[in-house]
Structures are given as structure tokens and as C-alpha cells.
Amino acid sequence: MIDSKKYRDLGTSIKRKENKRDHFILQMMMDKEWFNSINFCHLTQEEIKEWQFKRIKQIVKHAYNNVPMYHDKYSKVGFHPKDLKNWKDFENLPILNKEEIIEAFPDRSISKKYNFKFTTRSSGSSGKFVTIVVSSEAIYRDTIQGARQFFFQSGGNYKPDDLALFIYTCPWWVSSINGKYKTLFYPTTTKIEEATNIIKQIRPKILSLYPTYLLKFYENSVPLKEYGVDLIIVHSEQTSSKQRLEMSNFFKIPVLDEFSSEELTRIALECPNKKYHLEEDACYVEIIDSKTHKNLSPGNQGMLIGTNLLNEATPIIRYFQGDIACIDMDNSCSCGSNFRTIKSFSGRFMDSIVSTYGEIIPASCFMDLAYNWYLEMNIPIHGLKYQIIQQTDGSIDINLQPKQYQISPIDKIKIKNSLYQLLPKDTTIRVKFVNRFLDTGSKFRPIISFKEKK
């Protein structure tokens, strides 16, 4: 049972360390589930949906019976788990938002069957931190799916003895699966020179890190391929396909994206063919209309709603964390996965820019536009850092921070005028050089909007 007073006394730095029992259980699960795990994506869409609905029914029932937040939320609309008989019933359940989890923590958001053995929290990139308790079973299954991720994104070229290096905010709870599929962690505060020497010595096959940290290797011309790196995975900060391709061409290593969050775990992974496949047995994804909250058919862009299929300690059911996306109408891919694909992932809903006519323009459009400052306008962007901010009145600030080694001047007029490719001519746009950017937590956000979206 939860002792909320004890939790508050301990603070928010609880971090349980791995032990022999963890590895024993992981090895047992790995022996039993690995084959089915890597082949789950080869099931038919009907088989996948059948499995998902069965799992969702279990999670909803557990949440209703053991988590006060859900019991109250569902009772208020007259719902009982016995009423969940088809997908339509599930789609009629109320949506969960971050504020609800924050307000309910810890007494009303955590299952009565779990304690604070495992806790995690989002990075606060949206400006608000949310604390999640995770079940040990979810940790173990997530660890196995982590190994599967590397297997999938490497095109099957990931073996039990290969090493993966994470340059991240904090380490995972277990560093291997009983000595196999080892991972090593270094914080993002590690100096680039030190990180380079570490990679040179340990020769990891896979490098997983923030795009902004990968940029440091790029700026310092670090020969990652010579040091044994075969695959680079970026996450947590949005990048465009053009940016990843540029990095891939420079390092001569595939640079693929991971779309995930602390609340929903892995949501979608970019395959070697550059298509985003949903992780259908980790997170169930719906796309809904922002106004009606009705489910949209494939091909239509809307709010991404996710249900965590792993964790029962803090169940996350029909959760909107701020992302907008579009499910592809054609899920076929030569990589062999039958998981649904995201045709366009446009980033955070709150980071979309609202035009003077009320049109919501995804952040990805502005990121592609910034990339074209060099391709189409000959603006020297190497090392240039930018942040586009929409104020509450709708005006736009473009903050620029050039690197010292940039010789050619930055044409602010060209940059300002480029935004009118996306925005009406009556939009007020200001371009300025800054020493510091708006602090958005540990994850840098290049596009930010404070304009209310209706």
C-alpha cells in the first residue's frame, strides 16, 4: 500500500538499483517471450487489434478498481468496466491530461496494489513535471522491448553481446538482461571531449542521445563510425527528416528517430526505411479531432491520444500529452512490420503556430523552413541555433544565436521574410540575436507558442 507521507518525506529522488532477482526474472521472461516479441509486428492487423483490446480491458478494469482518479473519472460519466464491450465503448471514455495526473499524485493516481519501488517523471519540457510510478513487470517488459527496438531499428543487426551507449538525463533501472544486451549511461552534462574518448574506448554499436548532443559530435567532426558506432538513435527533441539525413550523410551512419515519453513509453520508431511504426504492444494510439474529440480515420491529422499497455502502477489511459500526428492510410513497408505507421508527426500541439486566421501550422513546417534558410537562401546556418516563439498576441519572435566561427553575416530580413511562406503578411515578426534562449526544461524546444488554440 502507498504511504504518501513517507514518499513526501523521502523527496522525489527515489531510484531503486538493479539486483540479481531482476536479472533472473528478465532472463526467464526473455527466454519465454523474445521470439514472440520480435515477431509481434508480423501479426495481422486483426490479430494485433484483438490483443490490444484484451489488454486494454484488463488495464481499464484494474484502473477503475484500484486507482481513485479513474474510479471517480469514469463513475462521473456513468461508466463501469463491464460496459467496455467494443472499441466504440473505449473511444467514448473521457480523455486524461497531464494536469489531472499532477493534481491526483500520489494518493489518487497510483494503484492500491503498488508502492514507490519504481518512480519516474517527465522532463518538464512542456513546463510541468509529472511523476509516474511504474510496476516491476512494466520495467522488465520495457527492458525487453528496448532490446527489440535496437534489433528492429538496426534491421536485425543487433546481437546479445553488442553494447548500446545512452547519453541521457538518467540511467535505466537495469543495465543488461543478465549480462546480455548491455547498456551504458552517461549524463548529458558530460563534456564532448570526454564522451568522444569514452566512445573510442568502449566502441558501442548503438548510440542513443538527444539531437542537440549529437550536434556537438557533428560540430567537432567526431568520426563515430571509426569508433564502432553502427546506428544512432535520437529522441526527446523533435528533428526533421532532412536534419537526420544530413547527420547520417556526415557520419555515414543511419540516424533514426524514436518517438516516446515517460508516460506512454515507446510510441513509434523510425525503421531503416524511414517510416515511423507505432509500437502497438507498448502504446495504443488514437488520433482524434481537437474540437469534437471524435476519432479520425487514417490520413487525417489530429491530437494523438495514447494508452500505455505496459504499466498498471500509474495507469495512463486515453492520455493527451500535447502531440499532433496523422496515421498513414498505407501501412505497408518492406521492413516487414505490420504495425500502423505515422504518416506525419508534427510535434507538440502547444508548439504549433496559430495564424491570424486561426489556422494551426505544425512545428515541423517551421523546422523544415529553417533548414531551407541554407538550402534556398544561402544563409550560413552551420552551428546556428534558433528558437521561434509565438507570443500570446500572435506576434512571432525569431531568436538567433550564431556560433563564433560563423564568418558570413546573418541576413535577418531574409529570415523574417521566409516565415511569410507559412504565415499571413499581416503577422508581426521580429528577428533578434540573443545570448540565451527561453528555458523549456531539459529538452530544448525550437518552436514554442503561447497563443491560445481554440
Protein backbone atom coordinates (compact mmCIF):
# COMPACT_ATOMS: atom_id res chain seq x y z
CA MET A 1 0.00 0.00 0.00
CA ILE A 2 1.06 3.60 -0.60
CA ASP A 3 2.39 5.67 2.25
CA SER A 4 2.16 9.15 0.75
CA LYS A 5 3.65 10.85 3.81
CA LYS A 6 6.69 8.59 3.63
CA TYR A 7 7.07 9.41 -0.06
CA ARG A 8 6.96 13.15 0.58
CA ASP A 9 9.48 12.77 3.38
CA LEU A 10 11.87 10.95 1.07
CA GLY A 11 11.51 13.55 -1.63
CA THR A 12 11.42 12.86 -5.36
CA SER A 13 14.81 11.23 -5.89
CA ILE A 14 13.83 7.62 -5.24
CA LYS A 15 15.81 5.40 -7.60
CA ARG A 16 15.88 1.68 -6.93
CA LYS A 17 19.03 -0.16 -8.04
CA GLU A 18 19.04 -3.41 -10.00
CA ASN A 19 19.72 -6.70 -8.26
CA LYS A 20 20.21 -10.39 -9.06
CA ARG A 21 16.49 -11.07 -8.85
CA ASP A 22 15.86 -8.53 -11.61
CA HIS A 23 18.24 -10.34 -13.92
CA PHE A 24 16.84 -13.75 -13.03
CA ILE A 25 13.30 -12.63 -13.87
CA LEU A 26 14.44 -10.81 -17.01
CA GLN A 27 16.25 -13.89 -18.26
CA MET A 28 13.17 -16.04 -17.62
CA MET A 29 10.96 -13.57 -19.49
CA MET A 30 13.49 -13.22 -22.29
CA ASP A 31 13.66 -16.98 -22.82
CA LYS A 32 9.88 -17.17 -22.89
CA GLU A 33 8.93 -14.01 -24.81
CA TRP A 34 11.75 -12.86 -27.07
CA PHE A 35 10.67 -14.81 -30.15
CA ASN A 36 7.05 -13.67 -29.84
CA SER A 37 8.16 -10.11 -29.06
CA ILE A 38 10.24 -9.63 -32.21
CA ASN A 39 7.55 -11.33 -34.31
CA PHE A 40 4.54 -9.50 -32.87
CA CYS A 41 4.86 -6.90 -35.64
CA HIS A 42 4.30 -9.65 -38.22
CA LEU A 43 0.81 -10.48 -36.97
CA THR A 44 -2.16 -9.32 -39.00
CA GLN A 45 -3.87 -6.03 -38.13
CA GLU A 46 -6.88 -8.02 -36.89
CA GLU A 47 -4.73 -10.15 -34.56
CA ILE A 48 -2.94 -7.08 -33.21
CA LYS A 49 -6.22 -5.24 -32.55
CA GLU A 50 -7.67 -8.30 -30.80
CA TRP A 51 -4.65 -8.48 -28.48
CA GLN A 52 -4.78 -4.74 -27.81
CA PHE A 53 -8.46 -4.74 -26.87
CA LYS A 54 -7.99 -7.66 -24.49
CA ARG A 55 -5.10 -5.86 -22.81
CA ILE A 56 -6.99 -2.55 -22.65
CA LYS A 57 -9.93 -4.23 -20.93
CA GLN A 58 -7.54 -5.55 -18.27
CA ILE A 59 -5.97 -2.13 -17.70
CA VAL A 60 -9.29 -0.25 -17.57
CA LYS A 61 -10.73 -2.73 -15.08
CA HIS A 62 -7.61 -2.52 -12.92
CA ALA A 63 -7.63 1.29 -13.01
CA TYR A 64 -11.32 1.53 -12.14
CA ASN A 65 -10.98 -0.84 -9.17
CA ASN A 66 -7.63 0.37 -7.80
CA VAL A 67 -6.95 3.97 -8.83
CA PRO A 68 -9.26 6.62 -7.27
CA MET A 69 -8.61 9.09 -10.08
CA TYR A 70 -10.05 6.70 -12.67
CA HIS A 71 -12.84 5.40 -10.45
CA ASP A 72 -14.11 8.96 -9.97
CA LYS A 73 -13.47 10.00 -13.57
CA TYR A 74 -15.34 7.03 -15.05
CA SER A 75 -18.13 6.96 -12.46
CA LYS A 76 -18.85 10.60 -13.25
CA VAL A 77 -19.82 9.65 -16.81
CA GLY A 78 -21.67 6.52 -15.71
CA PHE A 79 -19.08 4.06 -16.96
CA HIS A 80 -18.27 0.66 -15.41
CA PRO A 81 -15.66 -1.80 -16.78
CA LYS A 82 -18.44 -4.27 -17.65
CA ASP A 83 -19.64 -1.67 -20.17
CA LEU A 84 -16.42 -1.99 -22.19
CA LYS A 85 -17.55 -4.37 -24.93
CA ASN A 86 -16.13 -2.89 -28.12
CA TRP A 87 -13.78 -0.22 -29.45
CA LYS A 88 -16.56 2.35 -29.59
CA ASP A 89 -17.08 1.97 -25.85
CA PHE A 90 -13.39 2.59 -25.29
CA GLU A 91 -13.35 5.64 -27.60
CA ASN A 92 -16.15 7.17 -25.53
CA LEU A 93 -14.06 7.12 -22.33
CA PRO A 94 -13.00 10.61 -21.19
CA ILE A 95 -9.54 11.86 -22.12
CA LEU A 96 -6.82 12.20 -19.47
CA ASN A 97 -4.47 15.19 -19.33
CA LYS A 98 -1.23 15.96 -17.52
CA GLU A 99 -2.82 18.35 -15.02
CA GLU A 100 -5.10 15.58 -13.77
CA ILE A 101 -2.17 13.27 -13.04
CA ILE A 102 -0.26 16.05 -11.31
CA GLU A 103 -3.21 17.01 -9.11
CA ALA A 104 -4.03 13.39 -8.24
CA PHE A 105 -0.49 12.40 -7.25
CA PRO A 106 0.21 10.44 -5.12
CA ASP A 107 -2.93 9.36 -3.26
CA ARG A 108 -5.34 9.23 -6.18
CA SER A 109 -3.14 8.46 -9.22
CA ILE A 110 -1.36 5.32 -8.05
CA SER A 111 -2.83 1.83 -7.92
CA LYS A 112 -3.52 0.48 -4.44
CA LYS A 113 -1.62 -2.67 -5.44
CA TYR A 114 1.73 -0.89 -5.90
CA ASN A 115 4.21 1.21 -3.94
CA PHE A 116 7.10 3.54 -4.84
CA LYS A 117 9.51 0.80 -5.83
CA PHE A 118 9.95 2.38 -9.26
CA THR A 119 9.28 6.06 -9.92
CA THR A 120 9.96 8.21 -12.93
CA ARG A 121 8.95 11.65 -14.12
CA SER A 122 8.71 13.52 -17.36
CA SER A 123 11.47 16.00 -18.06
CA GLY A 124 9.22 19.02 -17.85
CA SER A 125 9.78 20.06 -21.47
CA SER A 126 6.18 21.22 -21.52
CA GLY A 127 6.85 23.32 -18.42
CA LYS A 128 5.25 20.88 -15.97
CA PHE A 129 6.73 17.81 -14.33
CA VAL A 130 4.58 14.75 -13.81
CA THR A 131 5.56 11.85 -11.54
CA ILE A 132 4.72 8.28 -12.54
CA VAL A 133 5.02 5.07 -10.53
CA VAL A 134 5.93 2.08 -12.70
CA SER A 135 5.30 -1.59 -11.95
CA SER A 136 8.25 -4.00 -11.92
CA GLU A 137 6.58 -6.07 -14.64
CA ALA A 138 6.38 -2.97 -16.84
CA ILE A 139 10.06 -2.27 -16.20
CA TYR A 140 11.03 -5.80 -17.22
CA ARG A 141 8.85 -5.84 -20.33
CA ASP A 142 10.03 -2.36 -21.31
CA THR A 143 13.63 -3.56 -20.98
CA ILE A 144 12.96 -6.42 -23.37
CA GLN A 145 11.21 -4.07 -25.77
CA GLY A 146 14.27 -1.83 -25.55
CA ALA A 147 16.42 -4.67 -26.87
CA ARG A 148 13.78 -5.29 -29.52
CA GLN A 149 13.92 -1.61 -30.52
CA PHE A 150 17.63 -1.88 -31.31
CA PHE A 151 17.02 -5.14 -33.17
CA PHE A 152 14.26 -3.51 -35.23
CA GLN A 153 15.95 -0.20 -35.99
CA SER A 154 19.24 -1.88 -36.87
CA GLY A 155 17.46 -4.10 -39.39
CA GLY A 156 18.20 -7.19 -37.30
CA ASN A 157 21.88 -6.32 -36.94
CA TYR A 158 21.86 -6.21 -33.12
CA LYS A 159 23.24 -9.14 -31.14
CA PRO A 160 23.20 -10.09 -27.43
CA ASP A 161 26.86 -9.12 -26.99
CA ASP A 162 26.53 -5.67 -28.59
CA LEU A 163 26.79 -2.55 -26.41
CA ALA A 164 24.47 0.46 -26.51
CA LEU A 165 25.54 3.81 -25.07
CA PHE A 166 22.95 6.28 -23.77
CA ILE A 167 23.84 9.93 -23.32
CA TYR A 168 20.75 10.93 -21.46
CA THR A 169 19.33 12.54 -18.32
CA CYS A 170 19.32 9.41 -16.13
CA PRO A 171 20.05 5.68 -16.45
CA TRP A 172 17.51 2.91 -16.88
CA TRP A 173 16.84 0.67 -13.88
CA VAL A 174 18.71 -2.31 -15.30
CA SER A 175 21.90 -2.15 -17.35
CA SER A 176 21.60 -5.51 -19.10
CA ILE A 177 19.50 -8.65 -19.39
CA ASN A 178 21.51 -10.97 -17.22
CA GLY A 179 24.77 -9.78 -18.77
CA LYS A 180 23.50 -9.63 -22.35
CA TYR A 181 22.18 -6.63 -24.33
CA LYS A 182 24.30 -4.33 -22.18
CA THR A 183 23.67 -0.60 -21.97
CA LEU A 184 25.93 2.08 -20.58
CA PHE A 185 24.83 5.54 -19.45
CA TYR A 186 26.49 8.94 -19.32
CA PRO A 187 24.66 12.20 -18.46
CA THR A 188 24.12 15.00 -20.96
CA THR A 189 26.43 17.15 -18.81
CA THR A 190 29.38 15.03 -19.99
CA LYS A 191 31.90 17.16 -21.89
CA ILE A 192 32.10 16.36 -25.58
CA GLU A 193 35.83 15.58 -25.31
CA GLU A 194 35.19 13.07 -22.54
CA ALA A 195 32.27 11.48 -24.41
CA THR A 196 34.44 11.14 -27.51
CA ASN A 197 37.17 9.35 -25.55
CA ILE A 198 34.60 7.06 -23.92
CA ILE A 199 33.15 6.05 -27.28
CA LYS A 200 36.61 5.50 -28.71
CA GLN A 201 37.46 3.15 -25.82
CA ILE A 202 34.24 1.15 -25.39
CA ARG A 203 33.18 1.12 -29.08
CA PRO A 204 29.38 0.96 -28.67
CA LYS A 205 27.42 -0.40 -31.60
CA ILE A 206 24.45 1.85 -30.89
CA LEU A 207 24.43 5.45 -29.70
CA SER A 208 21.19 6.83 -28.23
CA LEU A 209 21.07 10.54 -27.36
CA TYR A 210 19.43 13.95 -27.72
CA PRO A 211 19.75 15.59 -31.16
CA THR A 212 21.36 18.65 -29.54
CA TYR A 213 24.11 16.43 -28.12
CA LEU A 214 24.61 14.69 -31.46
CA LEU A 215 25.10 18.16 -32.93
CA LYS A 216 28.16 18.54 -30.68
CA PHE A 217 29.75 15.46 -32.27
CA TYR A 218 28.89 16.96 -35.66
CA GLU A 219 30.44 20.34 -34.84
CA ASN A 220 33.60 18.62 -33.57
CA SER A 221 33.79 16.24 -36.58
CA VAL A 222 33.95 13.17 -34.33
CA PRO A 223 34.43 10.03 -36.52
CA LEU A 224 31.80 7.92 -34.76
CA LYS A 225 31.84 5.22 -37.44
CA GLU A 226 35.57 4.68 -36.91
CA TYR A 227 34.84 4.16 -33.22
CA GLY A 228 32.44 1.28 -33.87
CA VAL A 229 29.06 3.06 -33.94
CA ASP A 230 26.69 1.43 -36.47
CA LEU A 231 23.42 3.14 -35.56
CA ILE A 232 22.48 6.48 -33.99
CA ILE A 233 19.06 6.91 -32.38
CA VAL A 234 17.81 10.38 -31.48
CA HIS A 235 14.88 11.12 -29.22
CA SER A 236 13.17 13.54 -26.82
CA GLU A 237 13.66 16.58 -29.07
CA GLN A 238 11.98 16.94 -32.43
CA THR A 239 14.11 16.74 -35.56
CA SER A 240 13.17 16.86 -39.22
CA SER A 241 13.90 14.06 -41.68
CA LYS A 242 16.22 16.47 -43.51
CA GLN A 243 18.24 17.11 -40.37
CA ARG A 244 18.61 13.40 -39.65
CA LEU A 245 19.61 12.74 -43.26
CA GLU A 246 22.27 15.44 -43.09
CA MET A 247 23.69 13.93 -39.91
CA SER A 248 23.53 10.45 -41.40
CA ASN A 249 25.42 11.54 -44.51
CA PHE A 250 28.04 13.27 -42.41
CA PHE A 251 28.69 10.38 -40.01
CA LYS A 252 27.99 7.71 -42.68
CA ILE A 253 25.78 6.03 -40.09
CA PRO A 254 21.97 5.67 -40.07
CA VAL A 255 20.39 8.31 -37.81
CA LEU A 256 16.87 7.21 -36.84
CA ASP A 257 14.24 8.75 -34.60
CA GLU A 258 12.48 7.43 -31.50
CA PHE A 259 9.15 8.94 -30.51
CA SER A 260 8.48 8.21 -26.85
CA SER A 261 7.60 9.69 -23.46
CA GLU A 262 7.84 8.75 -19.80
CA GLU A 263 4.06 8.46 -19.56
CA LEU A 264 3.44 6.42 -22.70
CA THR A 265 6.83 4.68 -23.15
CA ARG A 266 7.77 3.93 -26.81
CA ILE A 267 5.12 5.34 -29.13
CA ALA A 268 6.69 4.98 -32.59
CA LEU A 269 10.09 4.05 -34.03
CA GLU A 270 11.61 5.07 -37.33
CA CYS A 271 12.59 1.96 -39.29
CA PRO A 272 15.59 1.71 -41.67
CA ASN A 273 13.18 2.66 -44.49
CA LYS A 274 12.44 5.98 -42.72
CA LYS A 275 8.85 5.12 -41.82
CA TYR A 276 7.51 5.58 -38.28
CA HIS A 277 5.94 2.37 -36.97
CA LEU A 278 3.77 2.51 -33.85
CA GLU A 279 4.87 0.22 -31.04
CA GLU A 280 1.48 -1.49 -30.93
CA ASP A 281 2.15 -3.68 -27.86
CA ALA A 282 3.64 -0.82 -25.82
CA CYS A 283 1.22 2.03 -26.52
CA TYR A 284 -2.17 2.06 -28.21
CA VAL A 285 -2.54 5.23 -30.30
CA GLU A 286 -5.67 7.06 -31.43
CA ILE A 287 -5.91 10.26 -33.48
CA ILE A 288 -8.84 12.50 -32.54
CA ASP A 289 -10.29 15.79 -33.69
CA SER A 290 -9.11 18.69 -31.49
CA LYS A 291 -12.61 20.19 -31.27
CA THR A 292 -15.04 17.26 -31.27
CA HIS A 293 -12.67 14.72 -29.65
CA LYS A 294 -14.03 12.14 -32.08
CA ASN A 295 -11.68 9.53 -33.55
CA LEU A 296 -10.35 10.38 -37.00
CA SER A 297 -9.78 7.92 -39.80
CA PRO A 298 -6.25 7.34 -41.19
CA GLY A 299 -4.97 10.20 -43.33
CA ASN A 300 -6.37 12.91 -41.05
CA GLN A 301 -4.18 14.93 -38.71
CA GLY A 302 -5.29 15.43 -35.13
CA MET A 303 -4.44 15.09 -31.46
CA LEU A 304 -2.52 11.95 -30.55
CA ILE A 305 -4.14 10.05 -27.68
CA GLY A 306 -2.13 7.22 -26.10
CA THR A 307 -2.78 4.34 -23.73
CA ASN A 308 0.21 2.73 -22.02
CA LEU A 309 -0.17 -1.04 -22.43
CA LEU A 310 2.65 -1.95 -20.02
CA ASN A 311 2.18 -0.07 -16.77
CA GLU A 312 -0.55 -0.69 -14.18
CA ALA A 313 1.04 1.13 -11.22
CA THR A 314 0.07 4.53 -12.63
CA PRO A 315 -2.25 3.59 -15.49
CA ILE A 316 -2.17 6.01 -18.41
CA ILE A 317 -5.41 5.61 -20.37
CA ARG A 318 -6.50 7.79 -23.32
CA TYR A 319 -3.88 10.40 -22.46
CA PHE A 320 -3.17 13.61 -24.36
CA GLN A 321 0.38 14.79 -23.74
CA GLY A 322 0.31 17.51 -26.39
CA ASP A 323 1.32 15.81 -29.65
CA ILE A 324 -0.32 16.04 -33.05
CA ALA A 325 0.09 13.39 -35.73
CA CYS A 326 -1.52 11.55 -38.61
CA ILE A 327 -1.87 7.79 -39.09
CA ASP A 328 -0.87 6.68 -42.57
CA MET A 329 -3.54 5.22 -44.81
CA ASP A 330 -1.00 2.75 -46.21
CA ASN A 331 0.93 0.82 -43.54
CA SER A 332 2.86 -1.42 -45.92
CA CYS A 333 6.65 -1.33 -45.52
CA SER A 334 9.44 -3.53 -46.85
CA CYS A 335 10.92 -3.71 -43.33
CA GLY A 336 8.25 -6.36 -42.67
CA SER A 337 6.38 -4.68 -39.82
CA ASN A 338 2.57 -4.70 -39.88
CA PHE A 339 2.37 -2.07 -37.15
CA ARG A 340 0.48 1.06 -38.18
CA THR A 341 2.64 3.91 -39.38
CA ILE A 342 2.55 7.62 -38.67
CA LYS A 343 2.42 9.47 -41.96
CA SER A 344 3.31 12.80 -40.38
CA PHE A 345 4.40 13.50 -36.84
CA SER A 346 4.18 17.23 -36.33
CA GLY A 347 5.30 17.55 -32.74
CA ARG A 348 3.61 19.22 -29.83
CA PHE A 349 0.16 20.72 -30.18
CA MET A 350 1.23 23.62 -27.94
CA ASP A 351 4.24 24.23 -30.20
CA SER A 352 2.15 24.64 -33.33
CA ILE A 353 1.85 28.22 -34.52
CA VAL A 354 -1.62 29.79 -34.88
CA SER A 355 -2.03 32.13 -37.84
CA THR A 356 -4.04 35.36 -37.66
CA TYR A 357 -6.85 33.44 -39.35
CA GLY A 358 -6.86 30.65 -36.77
CA GLU A 359 -5.02 28.06 -38.87
CA ILE A 360 -2.85 25.73 -36.78
CA ILE A 361 0.53 25.25 -38.51
CA PRO A 362 2.64 22.32 -37.15
CA ALA A 363 6.06 22.97 -35.66
CA SER A 364 7.62 20.64 -38.24
CA CYS A 365 6.72 23.09 -41.02
CA PHE A 366 8.80 25.81 -39.35
CA MET A 367 11.68 23.41 -38.70
CA ASP A 368 11.76 22.49 -42.40
CA LEU A 369 11.61 26.17 -43.27
CA ALA A 370 14.60 26.89 -41.02
CA TYR A 371 16.51 24.09 -42.72
CA ASN A 372 15.84 25.81 -46.06
CA TRP A 373 17.49 29.01 -44.85
CA TYR A 374 20.66 27.40 -46.13
CA LEU A 375 19.33 25.28 -48.99
CA GLU A 376 17.30 28.02 -50.68
CA MET A 377 18.59 31.33 -49.29
CA ASN A 378 22.32 30.69 -48.83
CA ILE A 379 22.15 31.79 -45.20
CA PRO A 380 25.12 30.31 -43.26
CA ILE A 381 23.30 28.15 -40.72
CA HIS A 382 26.14 25.82 -39.67
CA GLY A 383 26.17 25.99 -35.89
CA LEU A 384 23.29 28.47 -35.87
CA LYS A 385 20.79 27.88 -33.09
CA TYR A 386 17.30 29.31 -33.30
CA GLN A 387 14.06 29.48 -31.36
CA ILE A 388 10.77 30.64 -32.88
CA ILE A 389 8.31 31.89 -30.25
CA GLN A 390 4.72 32.95 -30.78
CA GLN A 391 3.57 35.37 -28.12
CA THR A 392 0.06 35.50 -26.69
CA ASP A 393 -0.90 38.33 -29.07
CA GLY A 394 0.09 36.24 -32.08
CA SER A 395 3.34 38.06 -32.88
CA ILE A 396 6.43 35.99 -33.67
CA ASP A 397 9.94 36.33 -32.23
CA ILE A 398 12.80 34.59 -34.03
CA ASN A 399 15.73 34.36 -31.63
CA LEU A 400 19.11 33.53 -33.19
CA GLN A 401 22.40 32.55 -31.61
CA PRO A 402 25.28 32.23 -34.12
CA LYS A 403 28.46 30.34 -33.32
CA GLN A 404 31.72 32.24 -33.02
CA TYR A 405 33.19 30.51 -36.07
CA GLN A 406 30.45 31.81 -38.35
CA ILE A 407 32.15 34.29 -40.68
CA SER A 408 29.35 35.38 -43.00
CA PRO A 409 26.73 37.71 -41.55
CA ILE A 410 23.17 36.51 -40.93
CA ASP A 411 20.60 38.31 -43.05
CA LYS A 412 17.76 38.97 -40.60
CA ILE A 413 15.49 40.39 -43.30
CA LYS A 414 15.71 37.19 -45.35
CA ILE A 415 14.92 35.09 -42.29
CA LYS A 416 11.99 37.31 -41.37
CA ASN A 417 10.54 37.22 -44.88
CA SER A 418 10.93 33.45 -45.10
CA LEU A 419 8.24 32.97 -42.43
CA TYR A 420 5.70 34.67 -44.66
CA GLN A 421 5.79 31.49 -46.76
CA LEU A 422 3.74 29.97 -43.93
CA LEU A 423 2.14 32.98 -42.26
CA PRO A 424 -0.15 35.80 -43.45
CA LYS A 425 1.53 39.08 -44.41
CA ASP A 426 -0.14 40.90 -41.51
CA THR A 427 1.79 38.80 -38.95
CA THR A 428 4.23 40.81 -36.83
CA ILE A 429 7.64 39.10 -36.95
CA ARG A 430 10.76 40.20 -35.06
CA VAL A 431 14.27 38.77 -35.59
CA LYS A 432 16.96 39.31 -32.99
CA PHE A 433 20.24 37.89 -31.75
CA VAL A 434 20.26 36.58 -28.18
CA ASN A 435 22.74 35.17 -25.69
CA ARG A 436 20.20 32.91 -24.01
CA PHE A 437 17.08 31.06 -25.11
CA LEU A 438 13.81 30.55 -23.32
CA ASP A 439 14.29 27.77 -20.75
CA THR A 440 11.95 24.86 -21.53
CA GLY A 441 13.36 22.21 -19.18
CA SER A 442 15.99 19.64 -20.09
CA LYS A 443 14.69 19.28 -23.66
CA PHE A 444 15.28 22.21 -25.98
CA ARG A 445 12.16 23.28 -27.91
CA PRO A 446 12.90 25.21 -31.12
CA ILE A 447 9.25 26.14 -31.73
CA ILE A 448 7.08 27.49 -28.90
CA SER A 449 3.62 29.04 -28.97
CA PHE A 450 1.89 30.82 -26.10
CA LYS A 451 -1.08 31.66 -28.34
CA GLU A 452 -4.30 30.03 -27.19
CA LYS A 453 -5.62 27.34 -29.54
CA LYS A 454 -9.37 27.10 -29.85
